[in-house]
N, C-alpha and C. Protein backbone atom coordinates (compact mmCIF):
# COMPACT_ATOMS: atom_id res chain seq x y z
N ALA A 1 -13.93 3.58 -14.56
CA ALA A 1 -12.69 2.36 -15.00
C ALA A 1 -13.69 1.56 -14.99
N ASN A 2 -14.31 0.85 -13.84
CA ASN A 2 -15.02 -0.32 -13.43
C ASN A 2 -15.46 -0.93 -14.65
N ARG A 3 -16.39 0.24 -14.96
CA ARG A 3 -17.15 -0.19 -16.60
C ARG A 3 -16.62 0.16 -18.52
N ARG A 4 -14.98 0.13 -17.70
CA ARG A 4 -14.60 0.46 -18.97
C ARG A 4 -14.02 -1.52 -18.93
N TYR A 5 -13.32 -1.60 -17.48
CA TYR A 5 -12.97 -2.76 -17.27
C TYR A 5 -13.66 -3.56 -17.84
N ILE A 6 -14.99 -3.56 -17.62
CA ILE A 6 -15.94 -5.13 -17.78
C ILE A 6 -16.37 -5.29 -19.10
N GLU A 7 -16.72 -3.83 -19.25
CA GLU A 7 -16.88 -4.28 -20.76
C GLU A 7 -16.28 -4.69 -21.89
N MET A 8 -14.77 -4.64 -21.34
CA MET A 8 -13.58 -5.45 -22.28
C MET A 8 -13.77 -7.03 -22.36
N PHE A 9 -14.88 -7.74 -21.62
CA PHE A 9 -15.26 -8.87 -21.52
C PHE A 9 -16.75 -8.82 -22.08
N GLY A 10 -17.09 -8.21 -22.58
CA GLY A 10 -18.32 -8.12 -24.06
C GLY A 10 -19.49 -7.48 -23.46
N TYR A 11 -19.64 -7.21 -21.79
CA TYR A 11 -20.82 -6.78 -21.22
C TYR A 11 -21.13 -4.92 -22.06
N LYS A 12 -22.02 -5.13 -22.20
CA LYS A 12 -22.76 -3.70 -22.64
C LYS A 12 -23.74 -3.19 -21.32
N CYS A 13 -23.29 -1.89 -21.13
CA CYS A 13 -23.43 -0.90 -19.93
C CYS A 13 -24.34 -0.26 -20.26
N THR A 14 -25.73 -0.29 -20.57
CA THR A 14 -26.69 0.78 -20.97
C THR A 14 -27.05 1.29 -19.81
N LEU A 15 -27.29 1.04 -18.79
CA LEU A 15 -27.87 1.79 -17.77
C LEU A 15 -27.18 3.27 -17.44
N GLN A 16 -26.12 3.02 -17.34
CA GLN A 16 -25.02 4.20 -16.51
C GLN A 16 -25.44 3.96 -15.09
N THR A 17 -25.16 3.22 -14.19
CA THR A 17 -25.29 2.67 -13.12
C THR A 17 -23.84 2.09 -12.51
N ASP A 18 -23.70 2.47 -11.57
CA ASP A 18 -23.28 1.42 -10.40
C ASP A 18 -23.54 -0.21 -10.31
N THR A 19 -24.82 0.27 -9.93
CA THR A 19 -25.26 -1.07 -10.03
C THR A 19 -25.28 -2.05 -11.10
N GLU A 20 -25.50 -1.26 -12.22
CA GLU A 20 -25.42 -2.31 -13.29
C GLU A 20 -24.03 -3.15 -13.62
N VAL A 21 -23.33 -2.11 -12.66
CA VAL A 21 -21.40 -2.53 -13.56
C VAL A 21 -21.71 -3.37 -12.31
N ILE A 22 -21.88 -3.65 -11.35
CA ILE A 22 -21.45 -4.65 -10.41
C ILE A 22 -22.19 -5.38 -10.20
N THR A 23 -23.53 -5.78 -10.18
CA THR A 23 -23.66 -6.81 -11.22
C THR A 23 -22.78 -7.97 -12.33
N TYR A 24 -22.59 -6.98 -13.57
CA TYR A 24 -21.81 -7.61 -14.61
C TYR A 24 -20.56 -7.92 -13.84
N ILE A 25 -19.55 -7.18 -13.28
CA ILE A 25 -18.56 -7.46 -11.97
C ILE A 25 -19.05 -9.04 -11.54
N ALA A 26 -19.80 -8.98 -10.56
CA ALA A 26 -20.83 -10.51 -10.03
C ALA A 26 -20.16 -11.34 -10.97
N ASP A 27 -21.50 -11.22 -12.36
CA ASP A 27 -21.44 -12.47 -13.02
C ASP A 27 -20.13 -13.19 -14.14
N TYR A 28 -18.95 -11.87 -14.19
CA TYR A 28 -17.96 -12.37 -14.63
C TYR A 28 -17.53 -13.06 -13.73
N LEU A 29 -17.25 -13.15 -12.36
CA LEU A 29 -16.32 -13.37 -11.63
C LEU A 29 -16.68 -14.84 -10.59
N ILE A 30 -18.40 -14.69 -10.69
CA ILE A 30 -18.99 -16.27 -10.56
C ILE A 30 -19.52 -17.01 -11.32
N ARG A 31 -19.90 -16.49 -12.41
CA ARG A 31 -20.63 -17.48 -13.52
C ARG A 31 -19.30 -17.65 -14.26
N ARG A 32 -19.04 -16.87 -15.17
CA ARG A 32 -17.73 -16.90 -16.22
C ARG A 32 -15.90 -17.18 -15.46
N GLN A 33 -15.50 -16.93 -14.58
CA GLN A 33 -14.56 -16.96 -14.08
C GLN A 33 -14.72 -18.44 -12.58
N GLY A 34 -15.53 -18.67 -12.28
CA GLY A 34 -15.98 -19.80 -11.38
C GLY A 34 -15.28 -19.62 -9.92
N LEU A 35 -15.63 -18.45 -9.51
CA LEU A 35 -14.84 -17.39 -8.14
C LEU A 35 -16.44 -17.46 -7.23
N SER A 36 -15.69 -18.12 -6.15
CA SER A 36 -16.81 -18.56 -4.95
C SER A 36 -17.47 -17.11 -4.80
N LEU A 37 -18.35 -16.86 -3.78
CA LEU A 37 -18.84 -16.19 -3.26
C LEU A 37 -17.75 -15.33 -2.58
N LYS A 38 -17.22 -16.35 -1.74
CA LYS A 38 -16.10 -14.99 -0.78
C LYS A 38 -14.95 -14.41 -1.60
N GLU A 39 -14.64 -15.72 -2.20
CA GLU A 39 -13.78 -14.87 -3.36
C GLU A 39 -14.22 -13.62 -4.13
N THR A 40 -15.08 -13.45 -4.81
CA THR A 40 -15.63 -12.44 -5.34
C THR A 40 -15.86 -11.35 -4.60
N ALA A 41 -16.30 -11.52 -3.29
CA ALA A 41 -16.39 -10.38 -1.87
C ALA A 41 -14.97 -10.11 -2.03
N SER A 42 -13.96 -10.74 -1.62
CA SER A 42 -12.37 -10.33 -1.90
C SER A 42 -11.76 -9.83 -3.10
N VAL A 43 -12.40 -9.94 -3.80
CA VAL A 43 -11.95 -8.71 -5.27
C VAL A 43 -12.77 -7.70 -5.19
N ILE A 44 -13.69 -6.92 -5.52
CA ILE A 44 -14.49 -6.66 -4.85
C ILE A 44 -14.56 -5.48 -4.16
N ALA A 45 -14.50 -5.95 -3.05
CA ALA A 45 -13.77 -5.28 -1.77
C ALA A 45 -12.98 -5.66 -1.09
N ALA A 46 -12.18 -5.79 -2.31
CA ALA A 46 -10.52 -6.12 -1.47
C ALA A 46 -9.84 -5.68 -0.44
N PRO A 47 -9.54 -6.65 0.77
CA PRO A 47 -8.02 -6.22 1.58
C PRO A 47 -7.45 -5.39 1.15
N PHE A 48 -6.60 -4.49 2.08
CA PHE A 48 -5.22 -3.29 2.02
C PHE A 48 -4.30 -4.37 2.01
N TRP A 49 -3.74 -3.92 1.64
CA TRP A 49 -1.84 -4.64 0.92
C TRP A 49 -1.67 -4.62 2.42
N SER A 50 -2.23 -3.48 3.20
CA SER A 50 -1.28 -3.82 4.87
C SER A 50 -1.97 -4.89 5.34
N THR A 51 -3.45 -5.05 5.38
CA THR A 51 -4.10 -5.93 6.01
C THR A 51 -3.69 -7.39 5.51
N ILE A 52 -3.47 -7.55 4.29
CA ILE A 52 -2.77 -8.74 3.62
C ILE A 52 -1.78 -9.34 4.26
N GLU A 53 -0.86 -8.24 4.78
CA GLU A 53 0.58 -8.91 5.09
C GLU A 53 0.40 -9.55 6.24
N GLY A 54 -0.38 -8.89 6.71
CA GLY A 54 -0.60 -9.50 7.97
C GLY A 54 -1.46 -10.68 8.82
N MET A 55 -1.55 -11.49 7.13
CA MET A 55 -2.91 -12.77 7.12
C MET A 55 -1.68 -13.63 7.27
N ASP A 56 -2.29 -15.51 7.27
CA ASP A 56 -0.97 -16.34 7.59
C ASP A 56 -0.62 -15.97 6.03
N GLU A 57 0.01 -16.92 6.13
CA GLU A 57 0.59 -17.18 4.69
C GLU A 57 -0.27 -18.01 3.55
N LYS A 58 -0.75 -18.30 3.23
CA LYS A 58 -1.60 -19.52 2.67
C LYS A 58 -3.26 -18.22 2.28
N GLU A 59 -3.45 -17.60 2.98
CA GLU A 59 -4.17 -17.03 3.09
C GLU A 59 -4.15 -15.46 2.34
N ALA A 60 -2.35 -14.87 2.81
CA ALA A 60 -1.93 -14.46 2.41
C ALA A 60 -2.17 -14.44 0.53
N GLU A 61 -1.72 -15.47 0.49
CA GLU A 61 -1.75 -15.89 -0.84
C GLU A 61 -2.16 -15.59 -1.82
N GLU A 62 -3.93 -16.51 -1.49
CA GLU A 62 -4.74 -16.14 -2.12
C GLU A 62 -5.39 -14.61 -2.33
N HIS A 63 -5.37 -13.99 -1.50
CA HIS A 63 -5.78 -12.91 -1.35
C HIS A 63 -4.99 -11.90 -2.68
N ALA A 64 -3.86 -12.37 -2.13
CA ALA A 64 -2.63 -11.31 -2.82
C ALA A 64 -2.97 -11.72 -4.54
N TYR A 65 -3.33 -13.58 -4.55
CA TYR A 65 -3.44 -13.25 -6.62
C TYR A 65 -4.54 -12.99 -6.75
N LEU A 66 -6.09 -12.93 -5.73
CA LEU A 66 -7.08 -12.10 -6.40
C LEU A 66 -6.62 -10.50 -6.85
N ARG A 67 -6.23 -9.89 -5.55
CA ARG A 67 -5.90 -8.22 -5.86
C ARG A 67 -5.29 -8.04 -7.14
N LYS A 68 -4.38 -9.15 -7.73
CA LYS A 68 -3.16 -8.95 -8.72
C LYS A 68 -3.77 -9.37 -10.20
N MET A 69 -4.78 -10.36 -9.94
CA MET A 69 -5.48 -10.59 -10.94
C MET A 69 -6.55 -9.97 -11.33
N TYR A 70 -7.70 -9.92 -10.78
CA TYR A 70 -8.75 -8.69 -10.98
C TYR A 70 -8.35 -7.55 -10.50
N SER A 71 -7.32 -6.73 -10.54
CA SER A 71 -6.94 -5.15 -9.87
C SER A 71 -8.72 -4.44 -10.56
N GLY A 72 -8.28 -4.28 -11.97
CA GLY A 72 -9.52 -4.12 -12.35
C GLY A 72 -11.25 -3.91 -11.91
N LEU A 73 -11.02 -4.75 -11.16
CA LEU A 73 -12.65 -5.21 -10.39
C LEU A 73 -12.71 -4.70 -9.00
N LEU A 74 -11.73 -4.50 -8.56
CA LEU A 74 -11.94 -2.99 -7.12
C LEU A 74 -12.77 -2.16 -7.10
N ILE A 75 -13.89 -2.32 -5.76
CA ILE A 75 -14.59 -0.97 -6.66
C ILE A 75 -14.41 -0.17 -5.18
N THR A 76 -14.10 0.93 -5.91
CA THR A 76 -13.18 1.69 -5.10
C THR A 76 -14.39 2.79 -4.32
N GLY A 77 -15.21 3.22 -4.83
CA GLY A 77 -16.30 4.02 -4.26
C GLY A 77 -17.00 3.23 -2.98
N PRO A 78 -18.07 4.13 -2.36
CA PRO A 78 -18.88 3.65 -1.28
C PRO A 78 -20.18 2.56 -2.19
N PHE A 79 -20.39 1.55 -1.26
CA PHE A 79 -21.25 0.99 -2.53
C PHE A 79 -21.83 -0.13 -0.72
N SER A 80 -23.18 -0.59 -0.83
CA SER A 80 -23.63 -1.48 -0.27
C SER A 80 -24.75 -2.03 -0.92
N ILE A 81 -24.67 -3.63 -1.37
CA ILE A 81 -25.44 -4.40 -2.19
C ILE A 81 -25.64 -6.08 -1.41
N ILE A 82 -26.77 -5.82 -2.43
CA ILE A 82 -27.23 -7.38 -1.84
C ILE A 82 -27.43 -8.53 -3.07
N LEU A 83 -26.34 -9.59 -3.12
CA LEU A 83 -26.50 -10.13 -4.39
C LEU A 83 -27.14 -10.92 -4.41
N GLY A 84 -28.31 -11.56 -4.75
CA GLY A 84 -28.90 -12.95 -4.87
C GLY A 84 -28.48 -13.64 -5.89
N PHE A 85 -28.67 -15.32 -5.39
CA PHE A 85 -28.07 -15.83 -6.91
C PHE A 85 -29.00 -16.95 -5.97
N GLU A 86 -28.69 -18.04 -6.64
CA GLU A 86 -29.77 -19.66 -6.43
C GLU A 86 -29.35 -20.18 -5.63
N GLY A 87 -30.05 -19.71 -4.15
CA GLY A 87 -29.86 -20.90 -3.32
C GLY A 87 -29.59 -19.51 -2.40
N GLY A 88 -29.48 -18.40 -2.34
CA GLY A 88 -29.20 -17.46 -1.32
C GLY A 88 -29.02 -16.11 -1.50
N LEU A 89 -28.62 -15.48 -1.12
CA LEU A 89 -27.97 -13.77 -1.33
C LEU A 89 -26.41 -14.01 -0.39
N MET A 90 -26.25 -12.76 -0.98
CA MET A 90 -24.83 -12.28 -0.16
C MET A 90 -25.24 -10.84 0.20
N ALA A 91 -25.17 -10.28 1.11
CA ALA A 91 -24.86 -9.08 1.39
C ALA A 91 -23.31 -8.44 1.63
N LEU A 92 -22.77 -7.54 1.01
CA LEU A 92 -21.31 -6.61 1.23
C LEU A 92 -21.61 -5.27 1.10
N ASN A 93 -20.70 -4.78 2.28
CA ASN A 93 -20.29 -3.48 2.05
C ASN A 93 -19.08 -3.04 1.48
N ASP A 94 -18.74 -1.80 1.14
CA ASP A 94 -16.74 -1.38 0.57
C ASP A 94 -15.96 -1.40 1.85
N ARG A 95 -14.66 -1.36 1.38
CA ARG A 95 -13.92 -1.99 2.52
C ARG A 95 -13.70 -1.17 3.63
N LEU A 96 -13.85 0.02 3.03
CA LEU A 96 -13.96 1.47 4.35
C LEU A 96 -15.30 1.41 4.95
N LYS A 97 -16.50 0.82 4.00
CA LYS A 97 -17.53 1.24 5.40
C LYS A 97 -18.28 1.93 5.64
N LEU A 98 -17.80 2.82 3.57
CA LEU A 98 -18.87 3.85 3.96
C LEU A 98 -19.81 4.16 3.56
N ARG A 99 -20.33 3.04 3.57
CA ARG A 99 -22.01 2.97 3.00
C ARG A 99 -22.34 1.74 4.64
N SER A 100 -23.19 2.17 5.62
CA SER A 100 -23.40 1.35 7.06
C SER A 100 -24.42 0.31 5.93
N MET A 101 -24.15 -0.66 6.65
CA MET A 101 -25.01 -2.21 6.18
C MET A 101 -25.19 -3.25 7.69
N VAL A 102 -26.38 -3.58 8.41
CA VAL A 102 -26.54 -4.18 9.54
C VAL A 102 -27.21 -5.41 8.97
N THR A 103 -27.19 -6.48 9.75
CA THR A 103 -28.02 -7.94 9.60
C THR A 103 -28.50 -8.14 11.11
N ALA A 104 -29.40 -8.80 10.67
CA ALA A 104 -30.28 -9.43 11.86
C ALA A 104 -31.00 -10.82 11.33
N GLU A 105 -30.57 -11.99 12.97
CA GLU A 105 -31.81 -12.80 12.03
C GLU A 105 -32.74 -12.87 13.37
N LYS A 106 -33.70 -13.42 12.57
CA LYS A 106 -35.29 -14.01 14.08
C LYS A 106 -35.93 -15.38 12.96
N ASP A 107 -35.69 -16.25 13.91
CA ASP A 107 -36.41 -17.43 13.92
C ASP A 107 -35.87 -17.85 12.49
N ASP A 108 -36.83 -18.09 10.92
CA ASP A 108 -35.96 -18.22 9.79
C ASP A 108 -35.85 -17.20 9.24
N LYS A 109 -35.70 -16.16 9.40
CA LYS A 109 -35.58 -15.24 8.97
C LYS A 109 -34.41 -14.38 8.57
N VAL A 110 -33.78 -13.73 7.73
CA VAL A 110 -32.89 -12.68 8.05
C VAL A 110 -32.98 -11.13 7.42
N TYR A 111 -32.49 -10.36 8.48
CA TYR A 111 -32.68 -9.06 8.14
C TYR A 111 -31.32 -8.60 7.91
N ILE A 112 -31.37 -7.46 6.07
CA ILE A 112 -30.51 -6.38 5.93
C ILE A 112 -30.97 -5.76 5.88
N ALA A 113 -30.21 -4.46 6.72
CA ALA A 113 -30.68 -2.99 6.69
C ALA A 113 -29.36 -1.97 6.70
N SER A 114 -29.87 -0.57 6.34
CA SER A 114 -28.79 0.11 6.22
C SER A 114 -28.37 0.50 7.77
N GLU A 115 -29.21 0.46 8.50
CA GLU A 115 -29.62 0.82 10.01
C GLU A 115 -30.23 0.10 11.01
N GLU A 116 -29.98 -0.02 11.87
CA GLU A 116 -30.33 -0.60 13.07
C GLU A 116 -32.50 -0.43 13.00
N ALA A 117 -32.22 0.47 13.02
CA ALA A 117 -33.86 1.16 13.48
C ALA A 117 -34.78 0.65 12.41
N ALA A 118 -34.11 0.19 11.05
CA ALA A 118 -35.57 -0.71 9.91
C ALA A 118 -35.41 -1.69 10.31
N ILE A 119 -34.10 -2.17 10.66
CA ILE A 119 -34.67 -4.06 11.54
C ILE A 119 -35.79 -3.97 12.48
N ARG A 120 -35.18 -3.30 13.43
CA ARG A 120 -36.25 -2.92 14.71
C ARG A 120 -37.81 -2.48 14.47
N ALA A 121 -38.05 -2.07 13.10
CA ALA A 121 -39.15 -1.52 13.05
C ALA A 121 -39.93 -2.90 12.15
N MET A 122 -39.60 -3.86 11.88
CA MET A 122 -39.76 -4.84 10.64
C MET A 122 -39.95 -5.87 12.34
N ALA A 123 -38.99 -6.11 12.98
CA ALA A 123 -38.89 -7.05 14.03
C ALA A 123 -38.60 -7.27 15.00
N PRO A 124 -39.33 -6.18 15.90
CA PRO A 124 -38.36 -5.66 17.30
C PRO A 124 -37.80 -6.25 18.37
N ASP A 125 -38.41 -7.46 18.05
CA ASP A 125 -37.93 -8.55 19.28
C ASP A 125 -36.19 -9.65 18.19
N ALA A 126 -35.92 -9.52 17.12
CA ALA A 126 -35.06 -9.91 16.42
C ALA A 126 -34.05 -9.73 17.11
N GLY A 127 -32.98 -10.82 17.17
CA GLY A 127 -31.51 -11.54 17.83
C GLY A 127 -30.72 -10.06 17.69
N GLU A 128 -29.30 -10.30 18.16
CA GLU A 128 -28.14 -9.32 18.04
C GLU A 128 -28.47 -8.84 16.45
N ILE A 129 -27.69 -7.17 16.95
CA ILE A 129 -28.00 -6.93 15.37
C ILE A 129 -26.24 -7.12 15.14
N TYR A 130 -25.87 -7.61 14.08
CA TYR A 130 -24.60 -7.45 13.37
C TYR A 130 -24.15 -6.82 12.41
N SER A 131 -23.10 -5.60 12.76
CA SER A 131 -22.31 -5.29 12.05
C SER A 131 -20.88 -5.53 11.29
N PRO A 132 -21.57 -6.31 9.97
CA PRO A 132 -20.16 -6.93 8.95
C PRO A 132 -18.93 -5.83 8.97
N ALA A 133 -17.71 -6.21 9.42
CA ALA A 133 -16.78 -5.02 9.16
C ALA A 133 -16.84 -4.72 7.85
N GLY A 134 -16.28 -3.40 7.10
CA GLY A 134 -15.84 -3.50 5.71
C GLY A 134 -15.56 -3.80 4.94
N GLY A 135 -15.83 -4.74 3.65
CA GLY A 135 -15.69 -5.85 2.94
C GLY A 135 -16.10 -6.93 3.27
N GLU A 136 -16.79 -7.86 4.55
CA GLU A 136 -17.19 -9.17 5.21
C GLU A 136 -18.07 -8.86 4.54
N PRO A 137 -18.35 -10.52 3.54
CA PRO A 137 -19.00 -10.98 3.13
C PRO A 137 -19.68 -11.28 4.01
N VAL A 138 -21.69 -11.22 3.81
CA VAL A 138 -22.73 -11.73 4.48
C VAL A 138 -23.46 -13.01 3.55
N ILE A 139 -23.12 -14.29 3.85
CA ILE A 139 -23.95 -14.80 3.18
C ILE A 139 -24.95 -15.67 3.70
N ILE A 140 -26.01 -15.79 3.32
CA ILE A 140 -26.93 -16.34 3.64
C ILE A 140 -27.94 -17.37 2.58
N ARG A 141 -27.34 -18.88 2.53
CA ARG A 141 -28.06 -19.70 2.09
C ARG A 141 -29.97 -20.03 2.44
N VAL A 142 -30.63 -20.10 1.69
CA VAL A 142 -32.46 -20.58 2.19
C VAL A 142 -32.55 -21.96 1.57
N LYS A 143 -33.03 -22.75 2.84
CA LYS A 143 -32.97 -24.15 2.82
C LYS A 143 -34.16 -24.45 1.96
N GLU A 144 -33.53 -25.71 0.87
CA GLU A 144 -34.78 -26.24 0.18
C GLU A 144 -36.00 -26.06 0.45
N GLY A 145 -36.59 -25.79 -0.76
CA GLY A 145 -37.76 -25.63 -0.44
C GLY A 145 -38.81 -24.28 0.51
N ALA A 146 -38.32 -23.48 1.16
CA ALA A 146 -38.23 -22.34 1.65
C ALA A 146 -38.25 -21.23 1.65
N TYR A 147 -38.98 -20.08 1.54
CA TYR A 147 -38.59 -19.08 1.09
C TYR A 147 -38.42 -17.68 1.45
C-alpha cells in the first residue's frame, strides 16, 4: 500500500524493498512537503488515536492533522531505520516497537544498534543505554567539520 501511494507522486520503486519505499516517503515528506524530521517521524510511525486524544490540545491538533493529511504514508509493519540527512541522522522504529533499537553516547560518538550487546562490543564503557519508545525519533546533529 505504501509503495502504490508514493508512486502516485512520481517515485518509481524498482528494488521492491521496504527500504526503498521508506526512503522515498522520507524524501517526499522532508524535501517536497517541507516537514521537519520530527513531523516526518510522526507520519511514518504515527501515534495511535487514543494516544493523540491524551495530548494537550495544540499537540493533539498537530498530530491529528498529520495523521489525516498523510494517512497513506503510515508504515504499519515492523521497521527500524536510520535516515541520514545533511548535518546528521535520525533513528526511528515502528510505533509498536516490533523491531528493537537502542542508542548510547560516549564522548563525541553516538551508537545505534538493535541490541545493547552490539553497542557494548564497540564501546564497553559507553554511557547509559537508551531505548526509545516505539515511534520516538532519535535525532542526532553533527558538529560542523566533525565526522
